[in-house]
């Protein structure tokens, strides 16, 4: 599904762009800590790969994470 990969790319690009804004960075990190262990329990994957895996294996949680990021205007 190209949609999952495209969305994962947008999330990582936004994270990198906003990394030096502490409040926004903290939101990303909080969401990553909450959702990505579902796809990568050991924390061994790159964030992009873990987000893609989350989209394929736990679509409802992926959609919830995307909704929260959009709700905070961190991605479009």
Foldseek 3Di string as FASTA:
>chain_A
DVVQLVLLVQLVVLLVVCVVVVVVVVLSVVLCVVQLCVQVVPPPDDSSVSSSSCCVPPVVSSVVSSVVCVVVVSGD
